[in-house]
Amino acid sequence: MSHRAPRCPHCSEPIERTELVVFDSGALYHQQCYVQTGGAYELVSDFLHRHSQSPFCHTCLSKTLKIEYEDARKAVTALRMDRQFVVLLGGQCAGCRQPRVTIQACGM
């Protein structure tokens, strides 16, 4: 019995077992394809909620989530308008431990 890899709805390429993926609306996406379709907001939001007591800078979000810095920056800019998140000026980033502009989910 052969196993057929699922295909990403964005690029139509197979999704291999070792790849980072996102499951959204009943479909699996390559993580990078999901970001390209505007999904960086959801990736960053979900990550910050899972680490709600930890602030992160744009650089660490980019590296941790394996997304482009610009995509992380855009997502954070949008999240700043959401009352579930708080921006800290000069807060210590949980990733790099440097004083940076960071964002974190509010404890709810």
Foldseek 3Di string as FASTA:
>chain_A
DDDFADAAPQPRHGDDPPADWDQDPNGIHRLASCLVVVNLLVVLVVVQVVVQVFWADLVQSCVVSVHDSVSSVVSVVVCCVPPQKDWDQQDQGPRPRGGHTTMHGHDD
